[in-house]
């Protein structure tokens, strides 16, 4: 699963218009809220690393999020929009 998730993250990184569209969607806003529960510090660190090509932290955060039913559904919805 992690390799598939990393590939999806790379796909999103390469398409800035898609990133904007996703982040302004209701699902994107929910995702940001769920990933920012600690005030956003971990998310900022993970996105900074991803911008430099290291997606491990963001993949780990999303994998943890997907352990909940709500998080898994949200990620599936977003993944469907990316395809």
Protein backbone atom coordinates (compact mmCIF):
# COMPACT_ATOMS: atom_id res chain seq x y z
CA UNK A 1 0.00 0.00 0.00
CA UNK A 2 2.76 2.48 0.83
CA UNK A 3 4.19 2.30 -2.69
CA UNK A 4 0.78 2.96 -4.22
CA UNK A 5 0.25 5.87 -1.85
CA UNK A 6 3.69 7.28 -2.67
CA UNK A 7 2.86 7.08 -6.38
CA UNK A 8 -0.41 8.96 -5.84
CA UNK A 9 1.45 11.65 -3.86
CA UNK A 10 4.00 12.03 -6.68
CA UNK A 11 1.17 12.32 -9.20
CA UNK A 12 -0.46 15.08 -7.16
CA UNK A 13 2.87 16.88 -6.65
CA UNK A 14 3.36 17.09 -10.40
CA UNK A 15 -0.02 18.71 -11.03
CA UNK A 16 -0.39 22.02 -9.19
CA UNK A 17 -3.90 22.60 -10.58
CA UNK A 18 -4.99 19.25 -9.15
CA UNK A 19 -3.49 20.17 -5.78
CA UNK A 20 -5.45 23.43 -5.74
CA UNK A 21 -8.65 21.68 -6.76
CA UNK A 22 -8.25 18.99 -4.10
CA UNK A 23 -7.35 21.42 -1.32
CA UNK A 24 -10.39 23.58 -2.03
CA UNK A 25 -12.76 20.59 -2.12
CA UNK A 26 -14.77 19.52 0.92
CA UNK A 27 -12.75 16.29 1.14
CA UNK A 28 -9.49 18.20 0.89
CA UNK A 29 -10.53 20.50 3.71
CA UNK A 30 -11.51 17.50 5.87
CA UNK A 31 -8.17 15.87 5.11
CA UNK A 32 -6.28 18.99 6.14
CA UNK A 33 -8.29 19.23 9.35
CA UNK A 34 -7.62 15.60 10.23
CA UNK A 35 -3.91 15.90 9.48
CA UNK A 36 -3.60 19.17 11.43
CA UNK A 37 -5.01 18.01 14.75
CA UNK A 38 -1.69 18.78 16.45
CA UNK A 39 -1.82 22.36 15.23
CA UNK A 40 -0.29 21.46 11.89
CA UNK A 41 3.35 21.11 12.96
CA UNK A 42 3.71 17.51 11.76
CA UNK A 43 1.89 18.28 8.53
CA UNK A 44 4.15 21.26 7.77
CA UNK A 45 7.23 19.15 8.44
CA UNK A 46 5.92 16.30 6.27
CA UNK A 47 4.94 18.58 3.38
CA UNK A 48 8.30 20.36 3.53
CA UNK A 49 10.04 16.99 3.26
CA UNK A 50 7.70 15.90 0.44
CA UNK A 51 8.49 19.09 -1.47
CA UNK A 52 12.14 18.01 -1.34
CA UNK A 53 11.27 14.54 -2.63
CA UNK A 54 10.99 12.66 0.68
CA UNK A 55 7.39 11.47 0.91
CA UNK A 56 7.94 8.98 3.77
CA UNK A 57 6.52 11.23 6.51
CA UNK A 58 3.38 12.21 4.60
CA UNK A 59 2.81 8.58 3.56
CA UNK A 60 3.10 7.55 7.22
CA UNK A 61 0.63 10.26 8.30
CA UNK A 62 -1.91 9.25 5.66
CA UNK A 63 -1.47 5.55 6.46
CA UNK A 64 -2.22 6.30 10.13
CA UNK A 65 -5.23 8.37 9.11
CA UNK A 66 -6.51 5.45 7.04
CA UNK A 67 -6.64 3.26 10.14
CA UNK A 68 -9.93 4.94 11.02
CA UNK A 69 -13.08 4.29 9.00
CA UNK A 70 -13.61 8.01 8.42
CA UNK A 71 -10.01 8.55 7.32
CA UNK A 72 -10.03 5.55 4.99
CA UNK A 73 -13.25 6.73 3.33
CA UNK A 74 -11.87 10.23 2.91
CA UNK A 75 -8.64 9.00 1.33
CA UNK A 76 -10.61 6.70 -1.01
CA UNK A 77 -12.77 9.64 -2.12
CA UNK A 78 -9.71 11.76 -2.84
CA UNK A 79 -7.96 8.88 -4.58
CA UNK A 80 -10.98 8.43 -6.85
CA UNK A 81 -10.71 12.10 -7.87
CA UNK A 82 -7.02 11.71 -8.72
CA UNK A 83 -7.48 8.73 -11.04
